[in-house]
Each structure stands twice: as C-alpha cells, then as structure tokens.
Protein backbone atom coordinates (compact mmCIF):
# COMPACT_ATOMS: atom_id res chain seq x y z
CA MET A 1 -10.89 -4.47 -17.28
CA THR A 2 -13.11 -4.39 -14.18
CA HIS A 3 -12.14 -5.08 -10.62
CA PRO A 4 -13.78 -7.66 -8.43
CA GLN A 5 -16.58 -5.94 -6.54
CA HIS A 6 -14.83 -6.62 -3.23
CA ARG A 7 -11.34 -5.19 -2.98
CA PRO A 8 -9.81 -6.69 0.15
CA TRP A 9 -6.47 -5.01 -0.52
CA HIS A 10 -7.89 -1.55 0.30
CA GLY A 11 -6.93 0.02 3.62
CA VAL A 12 -4.20 -0.98 6.06
CA LEU A 13 -3.10 -4.57 5.63
CA VAL A 14 -0.32 -5.54 8.02
CA ALA A 15 2.47 -7.73 6.69
CA THR A 16 2.52 -9.71 9.89
CA ALA A 17 5.63 -10.58 11.82
CA LEU A 18 5.57 -14.22 12.89
CA PRO A 19 6.03 -15.00 16.59
CA LEU A 20 8.65 -17.68 17.18
CA SER A 21 9.28 -19.38 20.50
CA ASP A 22 12.75 -19.57 22.05
CA ASP A 23 13.32 -22.86 20.21
CA LEU A 24 12.33 -21.04 16.98
CA SER A 25 9.11 -23.02 16.53
CA VAL A 26 6.06 -21.06 15.36
CA ASP A 27 3.75 -19.94 18.15
CA TYR A 28 0.40 -20.24 16.36
CA ASP A 29 -1.72 -19.24 19.36
CA ARG A 30 0.27 -16.05 19.75
CA TYR A 31 -0.01 -15.40 16.00
CA ALA A 32 -3.79 -15.77 16.10
CA GLU A 33 -3.96 -13.33 19.00
CA HIS A 34 -1.73 -10.88 17.13
CA CYS A 35 -3.95 -10.93 14.01
CA ALA A 36 -7.04 -10.30 16.13
CA TRP A 37 -5.29 -7.50 18.05
CA LEU A 38 -4.32 -5.72 14.84
CA VAL A 39 -7.91 -5.71 13.60
CA GLU A 40 -9.18 -4.60 17.01
CA ASN A 41 -6.79 -1.66 16.79
CA GLY A 42 -8.07 -0.44 13.44
CA CYS A 43 -6.17 -2.39 10.81
CA ASP A 44 -8.20 -3.76 7.91
CA GLY A 45 -6.44 -7.08 7.47
CA VAL A 46 -3.20 -9.02 7.41
CA VAL A 47 -0.71 -10.35 4.89
CA PRO A 48 0.82 -13.57 6.24
CA ASN A 49 3.82 -15.22 4.59
CA GLY A 50 5.40 -12.05 3.35
CA SER A 51 9.07 -11.31 3.81
CA LEU A 52 8.32 -9.87 7.25
CA GLY A 53 6.67 -13.18 8.10
CA GLU A 54 9.92 -15.02 7.25
CA TYR A 55 8.12 -17.29 4.77
CA GLN A 56 11.38 -18.29 3.11
CA VAL A 57 12.46 -20.23 6.21
CA LEU A 58 9.14 -21.96 6.94
CA THR A 59 8.37 -25.56 6.09
CA PRO A 60 5.41 -26.09 3.74
CA GLU A 61 3.38 -27.36 6.69
CA GLU A 62 4.18 -24.27 8.75
CA ARG A 63 3.43 -21.95 5.86
CA ALA A 64 0.00 -23.50 5.27
CA ARG A 65 -0.87 -23.44 8.95
CA VAL A 66 0.07 -19.76 9.28
CA VAL A 67 -2.58 -18.90 6.67
CA GLU A 68 -5.14 -21.18 8.31
CA THR A 69 -4.42 -19.58 11.68
CA ALA A 70 -4.94 -16.05 10.36
CA VAL A 71 -8.21 -17.01 8.66
CA ALA A 72 -9.52 -18.68 11.81
CA ALA A 73 -8.64 -15.58 13.82
CA ILE A 74 -10.10 -12.80 11.66
CA GLY A 75 -11.88 -14.35 8.64
CA GLY A 76 -10.64 -15.07 5.15
CA ALA A 77 -11.78 -11.78 3.62
CA ARG A 78 -9.24 -9.97 5.82
CA VAL A 79 -6.33 -12.28 4.93
CA MET A 80 -4.21 -11.77 1.78
CA PRO A 81 -1.38 -14.33 1.91
CA GLY A 82 1.91 -13.93 0.16
CA VAL A 83 2.22 -16.80 -2.33
CA ALA A 84 5.75 -16.20 -3.61
CA ALA A 85 7.72 -19.26 -4.65
CA TYR A 86 10.62 -20.11 -6.92
CA GLY A 87 8.38 -22.02 -9.32
CA SER A 88 5.15 -20.79 -10.89
CA ALA A 89 3.42 -24.10 -10.22
CA GLU A 90 4.31 -23.90 -6.54
CA ALA A 91 3.12 -20.28 -6.30
CA ARG A 92 -0.17 -21.32 -7.92
CA ARG A 93 -0.56 -24.14 -5.38
CA TRP A 94 -0.14 -21.62 -2.55
CA ALA A 95 -2.80 -19.42 -4.18
CA GLU A 96 -5.11 -22.43 -4.42
CA GLN A 97 -4.49 -23.24 -0.76
CA ALA A 98 -5.38 -19.66 0.15
CA GLY A 99 -8.66 -19.96 -1.71
CA GLU A 100 -9.46 -23.32 -0.15
CA VAL A 101 -9.27 -21.88 3.38
CA GLY A 102 -11.34 -18.81 2.55
CA CYS A 103 -8.96 -16.03 1.46
CA THR A 104 -10.21 -13.70 -1.26
CA SER A 105 -6.93 -12.34 -2.67
CA VAL A 106 -3.20 -13.11 -2.72
CA MET A 107 0.04 -11.17 -3.08
CA LEU A 108 2.69 -12.35 -5.53
CA LEU A 109 6.30 -11.41 -6.17
CA PRO A 110 7.69 -11.89 -9.69
CA PRO A 111 9.93 -14.92 -10.31
CA ASN A 112 12.85 -14.43 -7.94
CA ALA A 113 15.06 -17.47 -8.37
CA TYR A 114 16.83 -15.61 -11.17
CA ARG A 115 16.63 -12.24 -12.90
CA ALA A 116 13.53 -12.99 -14.97
CA GLU A 117 12.75 -11.31 -18.27
CA GLU A 118 9.35 -10.01 -19.36
CA ARG A 119 8.04 -13.23 -20.93
CA SER A 120 8.74 -15.20 -17.78
CA ILE A 121 7.13 -12.55 -15.59
CA LEU A 122 3.96 -12.49 -17.68
CA ALA A 123 3.72 -16.28 -17.67
CA HIS A 124 4.33 -16.42 -13.91
CA TYR A 125 1.47 -14.07 -13.11
CA ALA A 126 -0.80 -15.73 -15.65
CA GLU A 127 -0.21 -19.13 -14.05
CA VAL A 128 -0.98 -17.94 -10.52
CA ALA A 129 -4.04 -15.99 -11.69
CA ARG A 130 -5.48 -19.31 -12.91
CA ALA A 131 -6.01 -20.24 -9.28
CA GLY A 132 -9.01 -17.93 -9.44
CA LEU A 133 -8.18 -15.34 -6.76
CA PRO A 134 -7.37 -11.69 -7.52
CA VAL A 135 -3.61 -11.19 -7.50
CA VAL A 136 -1.80 -8.19 -6.04
CA ALA A 137 1.64 -7.85 -7.59
CA TYR A 138 4.53 -7.06 -5.29
CA ASN A 139 7.25 -4.97 -6.87
CA ASN A 140 10.45 -5.22 -4.83
CA PRO A 141 13.35 -4.69 -7.25
CA VAL A 142 15.73 -4.13 -4.35
CA ASP A 143 15.52 -7.74 -3.16
CA THR A 144 14.33 -9.65 -6.24
CA LYS A 145 16.42 -7.85 -8.89
CA VAL A 146 13.27 -7.95 -11.04
CA ASP A 147 11.60 -4.58 -11.60
CA LEU A 148 7.90 -4.40 -12.39
CA VAL A 149 8.13 -1.06 -14.15
CA PRO A 150 4.90 0.84 -14.85
CA GLU A 151 4.75 -0.30 -18.47
CA LEU A 152 4.99 -3.95 -17.41
CA LEU A 153 2.43 -3.49 -14.64
CA ALA A 154 0.05 -1.96 -17.16
CA ARG A 155 0.45 -4.98 -19.41
CA LEU A 156 -0.08 -7.43 -16.55
CA HIS A 157 -3.22 -5.54 -15.61
CA ALA A 158 -4.52 -5.31 -19.17
CA GLU A 159 -4.16 -9.07 -19.58
CA GLY A 160 -6.16 -9.65 -16.41
CA HIS A 161 -3.36 -11.09 -14.30
CA ILE A 162 -3.22 -8.46 -11.52
CA HIS A 163 -5.62 -6.03 -9.84
CA ALA A 164 -3.24 -4.00 -7.68
CA VAL A 165 0.45 -3.52 -6.98
CA LYS A 166 2.36 -3.21 -3.74
CA GLU A 167 4.99 -0.69 -4.82
CA PHE A 168 8.26 -1.00 -2.90
CA SER A 169 10.72 0.56 -5.34
CA GLY A 170 10.83 3.76 -3.28
CA ASP A 171 10.41 5.81 -6.46
CA VAL A 172 7.25 7.79 -5.72
CA ARG A 173 7.26 9.24 -9.23
CA ARG A 174 6.03 5.89 -10.49
CA ALA A 175 2.64 6.43 -8.90
CA TYR A 176 1.73 8.99 -11.54
CA ARG A 177 3.00 6.93 -14.46
CA ILE A 178 1.09 3.87 -13.24
CA ALA A 179 -2.08 5.96 -12.96
CA GLU A 180 -1.64 7.19 -16.53
CA LEU A 181 -0.95 3.78 -18.04
CA ALA A 182 -3.39 1.71 -15.94
CA PRO A 183 -5.92 3.94 -14.17
CA GLU A 184 -7.87 0.94 -12.86
CA LEU A 185 -4.80 -0.67 -11.27
CA ASP A 186 -4.87 0.01 -7.53
CA LEU A 187 -1.63 1.37 -6.09
CA LEU A 188 -0.68 0.09 -2.63
CA ILE A 189 1.98 1.67 -0.44
CA GLY A 190 4.69 -0.95 -0.15
CA ALA A 191 7.31 0.75 2.01
CA ASP A 192 6.45 2.46 5.28
CA ASP A 193 8.84 5.36 4.75
CA VAL A 194 7.11 6.64 1.59
CA LEU A 195 3.62 6.36 3.04
CA LEU A 196 2.70 10.03 2.91
CA GLU A 197 4.06 10.56 -0.60
CA LEU A 198 2.21 7.57 -2.10
CA ALA A 199 -0.98 8.29 -0.15
CA MET A 200 -1.02 11.80 -1.59
CA ALA A 201 -0.47 10.28 -5.03
CA GLY A 202 -3.64 8.23 -4.78
CA ALA A 203 -2.79 4.95 -3.07
CA LYS A 204 -5.76 2.77 -2.15
CA GLY A 205 -4.03 0.72 0.54
CA TRP A 206 -0.90 0.11 2.56
CA VAL A 207 0.81 -3.26 2.97
CA ALA A 208 2.44 -2.21 6.17
CA GLY A 209 5.23 -3.23 8.52
CA TYR A 210 5.29 -0.96 11.55
CA PRO A 211 1.63 -1.37 12.52
CA ASN A 212 2.83 -4.67 14.00
CA ALA A 213 4.08 -2.53 16.86
CA LEU A 214 2.11 0.71 16.48
CA PRO A 215 -1.27 -0.06 14.89
CA ARG A 216 -3.35 2.83 16.20
CA ALA A 217 -0.87 5.58 15.36
CA SER A 218 -0.13 3.99 11.98
CA VAL A 219 -3.81 3.73 11.06
CA ARG A 220 -4.38 7.33 12.15
CA LEU A 221 -1.49 8.40 9.92
CA TYR A 222 -2.75 6.43 6.93
CA ARG A 223 -6.35 7.65 7.23
CA ALA A 224 -5.24 11.27 7.49
CA ALA A 225 -2.82 10.91 4.57
CA VAL A 226 -5.30 9.39 2.13
CA ALA A 227 -7.88 12.01 3.16
CA GLY A 228 -5.40 14.76 2.31
CA ASP A 229 -5.39 15.97 5.91
CA LEU A 230 -1.81 17.20 5.97
CA ALA A 231 -2.29 19.12 9.20
CA THR A 232 -2.73 15.78 10.95
CA ALA A 233 -0.61 13.54 8.75
CA LEU A 234 2.62 15.50 8.36
CA PRO A 235 3.51 16.00 12.05
CA LEU A 236 2.63 12.37 12.77
CA TYR A 237 4.70 11.20 9.80
CA ARG A 238 7.69 13.17 11.06
CA GLN A 239 7.34 11.62 14.51
CA LEU A 240 7.08 8.07 13.19
CA HIS A 241 9.60 8.29 10.35
CA PRO A 242 12.67 7.33 12.45
CA LEU A 243 10.93 3.95 12.85
CA LEU A 244 9.14 3.74 9.50
CA ARG A 245 12.43 3.98 7.61
CA TRP A 246 13.54 0.67 9.11
CA ASP A 247 10.93 -1.04 6.94
CA SER A 248 13.21 -0.33 3.96
CA LYS A 249 16.39 -1.59 5.59
CA VAL A 250 17.91 -5.07 5.37
CA GLU A 251 17.23 -5.59 9.08
CA PHE A 252 13.53 -4.70 8.90
CA VAL A 253 12.29 -7.97 10.41
CA GLN A 254 14.57 -7.69 13.45
CA ALA A 255 13.82 -3.97 13.88
CA ILE A 256 10.05 -4.38 13.82
CA LYS A 257 10.17 -7.37 16.17
CA LEU A 258 12.33 -5.38 18.58
CA SER A 259 9.89 -2.47 18.50
CA MET A 260 7.09 -4.91 19.27
CA ASP A 261 9.03 -6.11 22.33
CA VAL A 262 9.67 -2.53 23.46
CA VAL A 263 6.00 -1.51 23.31
CA GLY A 264 4.94 -4.57 25.30
CA ARG A 265 3.88 -6.87 22.49
CA TYR A 266 5.80 -10.04 21.61
CA GLY A 267 8.30 -9.73 18.78
CA GLY A 268 10.69 -12.47 19.74
CA PRO A 269 13.56 -14.03 17.82
CA VAL A 270 14.17 -14.54 14.09
CA ARG A 271 15.18 -17.68 12.26
CA PRO A 272 18.60 -18.08 10.65
CA PRO A 273 20.14 -16.96 8.41
CA ARG A 274 18.90 -13.75 10.01
CA PHE A 275 20.76 -12.68 13.15
CA PRO A 276 19.65 -10.44 16.01
CA LEU A 277 20.48 -6.77 15.55
CA PRO A 278 24.02 -5.74 16.55
CA PRO A 279 24.20 -3.50 19.63
CA GLY A 280 24.37 -0.19 17.77
CA GLN A 281 21.31 -0.81 15.64
CA ARG A 282 19.49 -2.30 18.59
CA ALA A 283 20.09 0.85 20.62
CA THR A 284 18.91 3.05 17.74
CA VAL A 285 15.65 1.14 17.25
CA ARG A 286 15.01 0.92 20.98
CA ALA A 287 15.57 4.66 21.49
CA ALA A 288 13.31 5.60 18.58
CA THR A 289 10.60 3.25 19.83
CA GLU A 290 10.82 4.53 23.39
CA LYS A 291 10.55 8.11 22.11
CA THR A 292 7.40 7.12 20.23
CA VAL A 293 5.97 5.54 23.39
CA ALA A 294 6.79 8.65 25.41
CA ALA A 295 4.94 10.76 22.82
CA GLY A 296 1.80 8.68 23.45
CA LEU A 297 1.74 7.13 19.99
CA VAL A 298 1.24 3.53 21.11
C-alpha cells in the first residue's frame, strides 16, 4: 500500500484547546488567532475537535464552525480534524465536511459508544475512509475501552483504511511491533509524556497537547528527539515532563488551559461535565508552569 504523496500528519500537530467565553460560548475569533499563533511559533498544523477541543460537548453547528475557523486561519492542508462520532455514518459525514472545507486528512477514534469487536472496528474505518480523505487512527484504549493493537492496526492499514496512527496507549513497546507488521504505517506520538521514547522509536509526528501553552519549547524538543539529538532533547524533556505528564491525566483539558492562562495566553473555562481543577491540582499545575516560564522555556 502506498501513502498519499502529501502527509499532513507529519510534524507537530497541536490538538487545539478551544477558547470559551465566560458564558461558555465558543470564541471563534480567539480560536482563529490561536491557530495562527501556533503555526507562527513553529507548529506544523492543528487538530480541532479532538478530546482536548471538547468536541463531545459541542453542537453540530459549533463543531463544523470550529473546523471552518481553523481552515480560514491557517489553510486546510494544516488542519486535521477529529471526526469521532458514535455512529459510523455520522463520523463519515464529519470527514466529508472536513474535505468540503479544504482539509486533507482526518483523525478517527474507533467506535466508542460500546466496547466494539474487530468486525465493527474494521467496518467503522472502512466507512469513514469512503469519504475520500486519508484517515489517521487514534488509539486511546484508556478512554474508549477499545484497543487498536498492532495486529489490528496492520490489518486496517493493509485494507487501505488508515495511513497513520496516533498511539496513546502509553506502551512504547508497541512502536516496534507496529513497524514490523506495517512498516508503511506512520506512527504518531499520541501522549505528550512518552514523546522522547516514541520519537526515538521512529515516530513521524506528534499530535500534541502542551504546545497549546509552550509551542516553541515543545517544537524544539520534538525536532531534537526525532533527529536523535539526545544532548538537546533529554534535558529539555526532563524540564517539561512535570507538565507533559498532565496530557495523560483525566484533567488534561483543565491543566493545559490553566497553563495557557499562566503563560499569558487565553485558556479559559471548560464546559460541563468537566469542572475546574480543585485547589491542589491547580497549585501543582501553576507551580510547574511558572517554573517552566522562569527557565525561559516559553
């Protein structure tokens, strides 16, 4: 199987946090500015409507407009929307909408309304692939309870349904098994706190959380890691890891938005059922972010 010539999922793609006003409405102007700022600071693109973008609590109208806003701000080739939905037909419609506004790839979770078995997973990805855009699978067994194990990823790739995988299991050993079973399937770092390990294992991209607050330092870390420049990457990774590990915690949206506020960006509130961080966690994130600022990593 051959890849599309253009691989927009390579590099640092930021799973964008979504700015909400005090009344919890979406601030589209601020979102457009944020997308542009990320690219200006070295990021290669954005992933709107991921979990960090709180897509589950958006109306269909809001969700569509978020994608349109990102495309208008930085161009469709830099925008890879999340198209997850409970139904395969709905996920395909989101992929079609992405294509209609100029996006050139999409990211798709497996069926997550129930613990799907292999036949359902294969059919789900096949249906969304019919929209005509390259699909990046998103393996998040922690939250979906569906595990895209290397053998299943290899089958999805062999059948032409996916071109890459955002790997969020946290099991870095899988990188080597995926490379053996499907050498043409691009591995993307899916969790910030295993960035160095997966970069060293051959990752081609990073669907990233903490660049929302720290784009320049994060991009510098990623570039050094994929280049095998451990002298640069390892000290930087150690400095950033107290923040990066929040990307794998339940409260990752609130933590990243708080860090954005601390560094002088706009993070803002979250929509229910999420709650603001309790005082202890808030103090921990704030202290780690302030330490990063003091170290000149913003």
